[in-house]
N, C-alpha and C. Protein backbone atom coordinates (compact mmCIF):
# COMPACT_ATOMS: atom_id res chain seq x y z
N UNK A 1 -42.93 -10.52 187.18
CA UNK A 1 -41.59 -9.95 186.08
C UNK A 1 -42.20 -8.94 185.15
N UNK A 2 -41.70 -7.96 184.93
CA UNK A 2 -42.55 -7.08 184.03
C UNK A 2 -42.16 -7.09 182.38
N UNK A 3 -43.13 -7.08 181.81
CA UNK A 3 -43.13 -7.43 180.35
C UNK A 3 -41.85 -6.95 179.75
N UNK A 4 -41.32 -7.38 178.72
CA UNK A 4 -40.32 -6.75 177.88
C UNK A 4 -40.79 -6.65 176.68
N UNK A 5 -39.95 -5.66 175.91
CA UNK A 5 -40.04 -5.24 174.56
C UNK A 5 -39.78 -6.55 173.85
N UNK A 6 -40.89 -7.08 172.97
CA UNK A 6 -40.21 -8.07 172.34
C UNK A 6 -40.80 -8.16 170.80
N UNK A 7 -40.54 -8.88 170.05
CA UNK A 7 -40.65 -8.64 168.53
C UNK A 7 -42.28 -9.24 168.32
N UNK A 8 -42.93 -8.57 167.39
CA UNK A 8 -44.40 -9.01 167.17
C UNK A 8 -44.69 -10.52 167.25
N UNK A 9 -45.51 -10.97 167.81
CA UNK A 9 -45.62 -12.65 167.92
C UNK A 9 -47.10 -12.93 167.30
N UNK A 10 -47.20 -14.07 166.99
CA UNK A 10 -48.72 -14.47 166.26
C UNK A 10 -49.70 -14.35 167.74
N UNK A 11 -49.33 -14.60 168.90
CA UNK A 11 -50.10 -14.49 169.99
C UNK A 11 -49.16 -14.60 171.14
N UNK A 12 -49.57 -14.03 172.27
CA UNK A 12 -49.03 -13.86 173.73
C UNK A 12 -49.15 -15.55 174.36
N UNK A 13 -49.83 -16.54 173.68
CA UNK A 13 -49.80 -17.65 174.31
C UNK A 13 -48.26 -18.11 174.91
N UNK A 14 -47.96 -18.44 176.12
CA UNK A 14 -46.43 -18.75 176.23
C UNK A 14 -46.01 -19.78 175.50
N UNK A 15 -46.72 -20.88 175.15
CA UNK A 15 -46.08 -21.90 174.39
C UNK A 15 -45.73 -21.07 172.89
N UNK A 16 -46.73 -20.54 172.63
CA UNK A 16 -46.27 -19.93 171.00
C UNK A 16 -44.99 -19.06 171.29
N UNK A 17 -45.00 -18.20 172.22
CA UNK A 17 -43.71 -17.44 172.47
C UNK A 17 -42.47 -18.18 172.49
N UNK A 18 -42.61 -19.30 172.90
CA UNK A 18 -41.36 -20.18 173.34
C UNK A 18 -40.91 -20.72 171.80
N UNK A 19 -42.15 -21.25 171.05
CA UNK A 19 -41.87 -21.68 169.95
C UNK A 19 -41.30 -20.60 168.78
N UNK A 20 -41.77 -19.62 168.95
CA UNK A 20 -41.32 -18.73 168.03
C UNK A 20 -39.63 -18.28 168.50
N UNK A 21 -39.45 -18.20 169.79
CA UNK A 21 -38.09 -17.97 169.81
C UNK A 21 -37.17 -19.04 169.54
N UNK A 22 -37.56 -20.33 169.97
CA UNK A 22 -36.45 -21.40 169.92
C UNK A 22 -37.07 -22.67 169.34
N UNK A 23 -38.36 -22.51 168.64
CA UNK A 23 -39.05 -23.75 168.44
C UNK A 23 -38.55 -24.65 167.17
N UNK A 24 -37.98 -23.83 166.23
CA UNK A 24 -37.54 -25.14 165.18
C UNK A 24 -36.43 -25.80 165.57
N UNK A 25 -36.24 -27.10 164.87
CA UNK A 25 -35.37 -28.01 165.65
C UNK A 25 -33.83 -27.60 165.35
N UNK A 26 -33.74 -26.96 164.39
CA UNK A 26 -32.04 -26.39 164.03
C UNK A 26 -31.96 -25.65 165.49
N UNK A 27 -32.65 -24.75 165.76
CA UNK A 27 -32.11 -23.63 166.85
C UNK A 27 -32.23 -24.39 168.23
N UNK A 28 -32.72 -25.26 168.53
CA UNK A 28 -32.69 -26.46 169.79
C UNK A 28 -31.29 -27.25 169.38
N UNK A 29 -30.89 -27.57 168.64
CA UNK A 29 -29.88 -28.47 168.32
C UNK A 29 -28.39 -27.51 168.37
N UNK A 30 -28.79 -26.32 168.06
CA UNK A 30 -27.58 -25.48 168.09
C UNK A 30 -27.21 -25.23 169.74
N UNK A 31 -28.44 -25.02 170.24
CA UNK A 31 -28.25 -24.79 171.69
C UNK A 31 -27.90 -25.93 172.42
N UNK A 32 -28.34 -27.31 172.09
CA UNK A 32 -27.67 -28.38 172.60
C UNK A 32 -26.00 -28.68 172.39
N UNK A 33 -25.74 -28.17 171.27
CA UNK A 33 -24.27 -28.01 170.72
C UNK A 33 -23.40 -27.21 171.70
N UNK A 34 -24.05 -26.25 171.92
CA UNK A 34 -23.24 -25.15 173.00
C UNK A 34 -23.29 -25.78 174.36
N UNK A 35 -24.58 -26.21 174.77
CA UNK A 35 -24.61 -26.81 176.20
C UNK A 35 -24.02 -28.04 176.46
N UNK A 36 -24.07 -29.01 175.71
CA UNK A 36 -23.43 -30.05 175.93
C UNK A 36 -22.71 -30.68 175.27
N UNK A 37 -22.46 -30.18 173.92
CA UNK A 37 -21.45 -30.95 173.32
C UNK A 37 -19.76 -29.90 172.92
N UNK A 38 -20.03 -28.76 173.64
CA UNK A 38 -19.06 -27.91 173.53
C UNK A 38 -18.66 -27.54 172.27
N UNK A 39 -19.61 -27.45 171.26
CA UNK A 39 -19.47 -26.85 170.14
C UNK A 39 -19.55 -25.35 170.22
N UNK A 40 -18.40 -24.52 169.59
CA UNK A 40 -18.47 -23.15 169.65
C UNK A 40 -18.25 -22.29 168.26
N UNK A 41 -18.02 -23.13 167.10
CA UNK A 41 -17.77 -22.24 165.85
C UNK A 41 -18.72 -22.84 164.99
N UNK A 42 -18.71 -21.80 164.03
CA UNK A 42 -19.65 -22.27 162.82
C UNK A 42 -19.42 -23.58 162.25
N UNK A 43 -17.80 -23.91 161.92
CA UNK A 43 -17.82 -24.83 161.63
C UNK A 43 -17.88 -26.26 162.56
N UNK A 44 -17.82 -25.92 163.79
CA UNK A 44 -18.57 -27.07 164.69
C UNK A 44 -19.90 -27.41 164.49
N UNK A 45 -20.70 -26.05 164.30
CA UNK A 45 -21.92 -26.50 164.23
C UNK A 45 -22.37 -27.27 162.71
N UNK A 46 -21.45 -26.94 161.63
CA UNK A 46 -21.69 -27.38 160.54
C UNK A 46 -21.15 -28.76 160.39
N UNK A 47 -20.63 -29.20 161.31
CA UNK A 47 -19.93 -30.47 161.22
C UNK A 47 -20.97 -31.37 161.89
N UNK A 48 -21.78 -31.03 162.78
CA UNK A 48 -22.83 -31.86 163.64
C UNK A 48 -23.57 -33.04 162.79
N UNK A 49 -23.73 -34.04 163.63
CA UNK A 49 -24.24 -35.09 162.95
C UNK A 49 -25.42 -35.06 162.25
N UNK A 50 -26.36 -34.03 162.35
CA UNK A 50 -27.72 -33.59 161.71
C UNK A 50 -27.42 -32.81 160.36
N UNK A 51 -26.01 -32.57 160.20
CA UNK A 51 -25.64 -32.17 158.91
C UNK A 51 -26.71 -30.80 158.21
N UNK A 52 -26.55 -29.80 159.25
CA UNK A 52 -27.28 -28.59 158.64
C UNK A 52 -26.64 -27.81 157.82
N UNK A 53 -27.52 -27.30 156.63
CA UNK A 53 -26.95 -26.68 155.36
C UNK A 53 -26.44 -25.34 156.08
N UNK A 54 -25.48 -24.84 155.33
CA UNK A 54 -24.88 -23.51 155.75
C UNK A 54 -25.72 -22.41 155.74
N UNK A 55 -26.68 -22.26 154.92
CA UNK A 55 -27.38 -21.04 154.73
C UNK A 55 -28.41 -21.24 155.98
N UNK A 56 -28.95 -22.13 156.43
CA UNK A 56 -29.75 -22.70 157.51
C UNK A 56 -29.24 -22.06 158.86
N UNK A 57 -27.95 -22.55 158.68
CA UNK A 57 -26.93 -22.49 160.11
C UNK A 57 -26.75 -20.89 160.54
N UNK A 58 -26.30 -20.26 159.10
CA UNK A 58 -26.47 -18.70 159.27
C UNK A 58 -27.55 -18.22 159.75
N UNK A 59 -28.73 -18.34 159.47
CA UNK A 59 -29.86 -17.86 159.29
C UNK A 59 -30.55 -18.05 160.95
N UNK A 60 -30.19 -19.15 161.50
CA UNK A 60 -30.71 -19.81 163.04
C UNK A 60 -29.51 -19.14 164.15
N UNK A 61 -28.28 -19.05 163.66
CA UNK A 61 -27.57 -18.54 164.41
C UNK A 61 -27.68 -16.91 164.61
N UNK A 62 -28.07 -16.25 163.40
CA UNK A 62 -28.49 -14.69 163.53
C UNK A 62 -29.97 -14.85 164.27
N UNK A 63 -30.84 -15.72 164.18
CA UNK A 63 -31.92 -15.55 164.91
C UNK A 63 -31.94 -15.61 166.54
N UNK A 64 -30.89 -16.50 166.94
CA UNK A 64 -30.75 -17.18 168.08
C UNK A 64 -29.92 -15.70 168.69
N UNK A 65 -29.04 -15.06 168.01
CA UNK A 65 -28.39 -14.06 168.70
C UNK A 65 -29.38 -12.63 168.92
N UNK A 66 -30.33 -12.67 167.86
CA UNK A 66 -31.53 -11.51 167.84
C UNK A 66 -32.27 -11.70 169.19
N UNK A 67 -32.61 -13.03 169.29
CA UNK A 67 -33.21 -13.18 170.54
C UNK A 67 -32.75 -13.22 171.79
N UNK A 68 -31.53 -12.93 171.73
CA UNK A 68 -30.66 -12.91 173.13
C UNK A 68 -30.31 -14.29 173.59
N UNK A 69 -30.35 -15.53 173.02
CA UNK A 69 -30.00 -16.77 173.14
C UNK A 69 -28.85 -16.99 173.28
N UNK A 70 -27.90 -16.38 172.32
CA UNK A 70 -26.62 -16.53 172.33
C UNK A 70 -25.99 -15.26 171.84
N UNK A 71 -24.47 -15.36 171.95
CA UNK A 71 -23.84 -14.27 171.43
C UNK A 71 -22.54 -14.53 170.64
N UNK A 72 -22.19 -13.85 169.80
CA UNK A 72 -21.06 -13.90 169.09
C UNK A 72 -19.70 -13.03 169.57
N UNK A 73 -18.72 -13.68 169.73
CA UNK A 73 -17.27 -13.02 170.14
C UNK A 73 -16.26 -13.37 169.30
N UNK A 74 -15.30 -12.70 169.10
CA UNK A 74 -14.12 -13.07 168.43
C UNK A 74 -13.39 -13.87 169.01
N UNK A 75 -12.69 -14.90 168.41
CA UNK A 75 -12.04 -15.95 169.16
C UNK A 75 -10.84 -15.53 169.67
N UNK A 76 -10.30 -15.58 170.89
CA UNK A 76 -9.10 -14.50 171.33
C UNK A 76 -7.85 -15.29 170.49
N UNK A 77 -7.82 -16.68 170.19
CA UNK A 77 -6.65 -17.17 169.45
C UNK A 77 -6.39 -16.52 168.04
N UNK A 78 -7.76 -16.27 167.57
CA UNK A 78 -7.82 -16.11 166.05
C UNK A 78 -8.82 -15.19 165.82
N UNK A 79 -8.64 -13.93 165.69
CA UNK A 79 -9.85 -12.78 165.74
C UNK A 79 -10.42 -12.87 164.45
N UNK A 80 -10.10 -13.32 163.45
CA UNK A 80 -11.00 -13.54 162.23
C UNK A 80 -11.92 -14.84 162.45
N UNK A 81 -11.81 -15.15 163.48
CA UNK A 81 -12.85 -16.45 163.68
C UNK A 81 -13.81 -15.97 164.72
N UNK A 82 -15.14 -16.50 164.73
CA UNK A 82 -16.25 -16.23 165.93
C UNK A 82 -16.62 -17.29 166.52
N UNK A 83 -16.41 -16.98 167.74
CA UNK A 83 -16.87 -18.19 168.48
C UNK A 83 -18.42 -17.63 169.39
N UNK A 84 -19.32 -18.57 169.22
CA UNK A 84 -20.70 -18.63 169.90
C UNK A 84 -20.71 -19.00 171.15
N UNK A 85 -21.40 -18.40 172.24
CA UNK A 85 -21.65 -18.75 173.38
C UNK A 85 -23.10 -18.25 174.24
N UNK A 86 -23.82 -19.38 174.86
CA UNK A 86 -24.84 -19.02 175.69
C UNK A 86 -24.97 -17.92 176.45
N UNK A 87 -26.07 -16.83 176.31
CA UNK A 87 -26.25 -16.02 177.21
C UNK A 87 -26.85 -16.69 178.42
N UNK A 88 -27.23 -15.88 179.48
CA UNK A 88 -28.23 -16.48 180.65
C UNK A 88 -29.59 -16.96 180.27
N UNK A 89 -29.89 -16.36 179.17
CA UNK A 89 -31.20 -16.63 178.75
C UNK A 89 -31.28 -17.98 178.04
N UNK A 90 -30.17 -18.31 177.31
CA UNK A 90 -29.85 -19.59 176.62
C UNK A 90 -29.61 -20.48 177.65
N UNK A 91 -28.66 -20.21 178.54
CA UNK A 91 -28.46 -21.51 179.63
C UNK A 91 -29.76 -21.71 180.41
N UNK A 92 -30.64 -20.90 180.37
CA UNK A 92 -31.82 -21.26 181.28
C UNK A 92 -32.54 -22.12 180.28
N UNK A 93 -32.32 -22.56 179.36
CA UNK A 93 -33.17 -23.81 178.36
C UNK A 93 -32.71 -25.03 178.91
N UNK A 94 -31.47 -25.41 179.67
CA UNK A 94 -30.93 -26.43 180.14
C UNK A 94 -32.18 -27.42 180.58
N UNK A 95 -32.86 -27.15 181.33
CA UNK A 95 -33.93 -27.99 182.00
C UNK A 95 -34.87 -28.31 180.89
N UNK A 96 -35.13 -27.51 180.17
CA UNK A 96 -36.13 -27.83 178.90
C UNK A 96 -35.44 -29.15 177.93
N UNK A 97 -34.23 -28.83 177.89
CA UNK A 97 -33.50 -29.90 177.15
C UNK A 97 -33.26 -31.00 177.62
N UNK A 98 -32.97 -30.92 178.92
CA UNK A 98 -32.95 -32.31 179.84
C UNK A 98 -34.18 -33.05 179.86
N UNK A 99 -35.46 -32.30 179.92
CA UNK A 99 -36.66 -32.89 179.79
C UNK A 99 -37.03 -33.55 178.67
N UNK A 100 -36.62 -32.74 177.68
CA UNK A 100 -36.63 -33.24 176.14
C UNK A 100 -35.91 -34.74 176.04
N UNK A 101 -34.83 -34.76 176.41
CA UNK A 101 -33.87 -35.78 176.35
C UNK A 101 -34.31 -36.99 177.28
N UNK A 102 -35.08 -36.96 178.22
CA UNK A 102 -35.61 -37.97 179.18
C UNK A 102 -36.89 -38.09 178.45
N UNK A 103 -37.84 -37.25 178.08
CA UNK A 103 -39.23 -37.63 177.48
C UNK A 103 -38.85 -38.80 176.30
N UNK A 104 -37.66 -38.00 175.15
CA UNK A 104 -37.42 -38.90 174.08
C UNK A 104 -36.90 -40.32 174.45
N UNK A 105 -36.01 -40.32 175.61
CA UNK A 105 -35.30 -41.70 175.81
C UNK A 105 -36.63 -42.59 176.61
N UNK A 106 -37.48 -41.86 177.09
CA UNK A 106 -38.57 -42.80 177.56
C UNK A 106 -39.38 -43.50 176.71
N UNK A 107 -39.66 -43.07 175.28
CA UNK A 107 -40.36 -43.44 174.29
C UNK A 107 -39.83 -43.80 173.08
N UNK A 108 -38.56 -43.54 172.96
CA UNK A 108 -37.84 -43.92 171.85
C UNK A 108 -36.37 -44.41 172.08
N UNK A 109 -35.96 -44.82 171.12
CA UNK A 109 -34.51 -45.51 171.10
C UNK A 109 -33.55 -44.09 170.82
N UNK A 110 -32.86 -43.57 171.62
CA UNK A 110 -31.58 -42.78 171.56
C UNK A 110 -30.53 -43.01 171.70
N UNK A 111 -29.68 -42.02 171.58
CA UNK A 111 -28.26 -42.22 171.72
C UNK A 111 -27.81 -42.00 173.09
N UNK A 112 -28.56 -41.67 173.94
CA UNK A 112 -28.15 -41.34 175.46
C UNK A 112 -28.42 -42.92 176.08
N UNK A 113 -26.97 -42.86 177.00
CA UNK A 113 -26.89 -43.91 177.53
C UNK A 113 -27.68 -44.18 178.77
N UNK A 114 -28.04 -45.46 179.23
CA UNK A 114 -28.65 -45.76 180.48
C UNK A 114 -28.09 -44.99 181.54
N UNK A 115 -26.63 -44.71 181.73
CA UNK A 115 -26.15 -44.08 182.83
C UNK A 115 -26.38 -42.50 182.85
N UNK A 116 -26.53 -41.83 181.35
CA UNK A 116 -26.70 -40.54 181.39
C UNK A 116 -28.29 -40.39 181.75
N UNK A 117 -29.05 -41.18 181.49
CA UNK A 117 -30.42 -41.04 181.73
C UNK A 117 -30.56 -41.08 183.13
N UNK A 118 -29.91 -42.27 183.99
CA UNK A 118 -30.07 -42.31 185.34
C UNK A 118 -29.62 -40.89 185.87
N UNK A 119 -28.35 -40.59 185.41
CA UNK A 119 -27.87 -39.25 186.21
C UNK A 119 -28.88 -37.97 185.93
N UNK A 120 -29.39 -38.10 184.63
CA UNK A 120 -30.45 -36.74 184.59
C UNK A 120 -31.67 -37.17 185.41
N UNK A 121 -32.11 -38.33 185.31
CA UNK A 121 -33.34 -38.44 186.58
C UNK A 121 -32.88 -38.38 188.11
N UNK A 122 -31.88 -38.86 188.52
CA UNK A 122 -31.86 -38.70 189.82
C UNK A 122 -30.84 -37.83 190.37
N UNK A 123 -30.19 -37.04 189.72
CA UNK A 123 -29.43 -35.99 190.06
C UNK A 123 -29.76 -34.70 188.86
N UNK A 124 -30.87 -34.52 188.82
CA UNK A 124 -31.32 -33.57 187.65
C UNK A 124 -30.99 -32.28 188.02
N UNK A 125 -31.11 -31.72 189.14
CA UNK A 125 -30.58 -30.29 189.42
C UNK A 125 -29.17 -30.34 189.32
N UNK A 126 -28.38 -31.10 189.70
CA UNK A 126 -27.06 -31.17 189.57
C UNK A 126 -26.51 -31.12 188.21
N UNK A 127 -27.11 -32.12 187.43
CA UNK A 127 -26.81 -32.43 186.04
C UNK A 127 -26.72 -30.89 185.14
N UNK A 128 -28.08 -30.22 185.77
CA UNK A 128 -28.17 -29.18 184.83
C UNK A 128 -27.17 -28.13 185.24
N UNK A 129 -27.10 -27.97 186.42
CA UNK A 129 -26.15 -27.00 186.96
C UNK A 129 -24.65 -27.20 186.36
N UNK A 130 -24.08 -28.33 186.42
CA UNK A 130 -22.75 -28.71 185.75
C UNK A 130 -22.76 -28.61 184.30
N UNK A 131 -24.12 -28.85 183.41
CA UNK A 131 -24.07 -28.40 181.98
C UNK A 131 -23.97 -27.01 181.71
N UNK A 132 -24.76 -26.28 182.80
CA UNK A 132 -24.44 -24.62 182.62
C UNK A 132 -23.14 -24.19 182.78
N UNK A 133 -22.49 -24.71 183.77
CA UNK A 133 -21.33 -24.42 184.45
C UNK A 133 -20.29 -24.70 183.29
N UNK A 134 -20.27 -25.73 182.85
CA UNK A 134 -19.47 -26.24 181.86
C UNK A 134 -19.61 -25.37 180.58
N UNK A 135 -20.64 -25.16 180.10
CA UNK A 135 -20.92 -24.06 178.84
C UNK A 135 -20.36 -22.81 179.06
N UNK A 136 -20.62 -22.36 180.37
CA UNK A 136 -19.84 -21.01 180.87
C UNK A 136 -18.28 -21.26 180.86
N UNK A 137 -17.81 -22.01 181.43
CA UNK A 137 -16.38 -22.33 181.40
C UNK A 137 -15.88 -22.43 180.18
N UNK A 138 -16.47 -23.21 179.03
CA UNK A 138 -16.12 -23.32 177.80
C UNK A 138 -16.08 -21.92 176.82
N UNK A 139 -16.95 -21.25 176.96
CA UNK A 139 -17.30 -19.73 176.70
C UNK A 139 -16.16 -19.18 176.92
N UNK A 140 -15.39 -19.21 178.11
CA UNK A 140 -14.58 -18.15 178.73
C UNK A 140 -13.07 -18.45 178.48
N UNK A 141 -12.83 -19.52 177.46
CA UNK A 141 -11.61 -19.93 177.12
C UNK A 141 -11.40 -19.32 175.76
């Protein structure tokens, strides 16, 4: 794959690049909300259980948009409101998030149910594809 024009990074180490793009916990939680929880608006994200501060949320949404992880669109029902959706680049983070869920659930007590963990483990490809398709469908509404 050809090299892309990217922002200046501390190093070209693949792990460093990934961490600079989406490595803070707020960014991954926003991607989680878009991918798995159907959240689409600033108010939706601000109301998440982790209680992100609005100034941090504004910053992370702008960063994720600049990195090409998500895009903002005017809401079809109310043009004054903005809706967010994952780009193809953002949707490609689904396997990463699923692996993080499985790892966390293996070693810590989490909110993931045993049935969800079984589905992610036994039908991983189908689970990921369904999450990506669900996110695309919610974005098109």
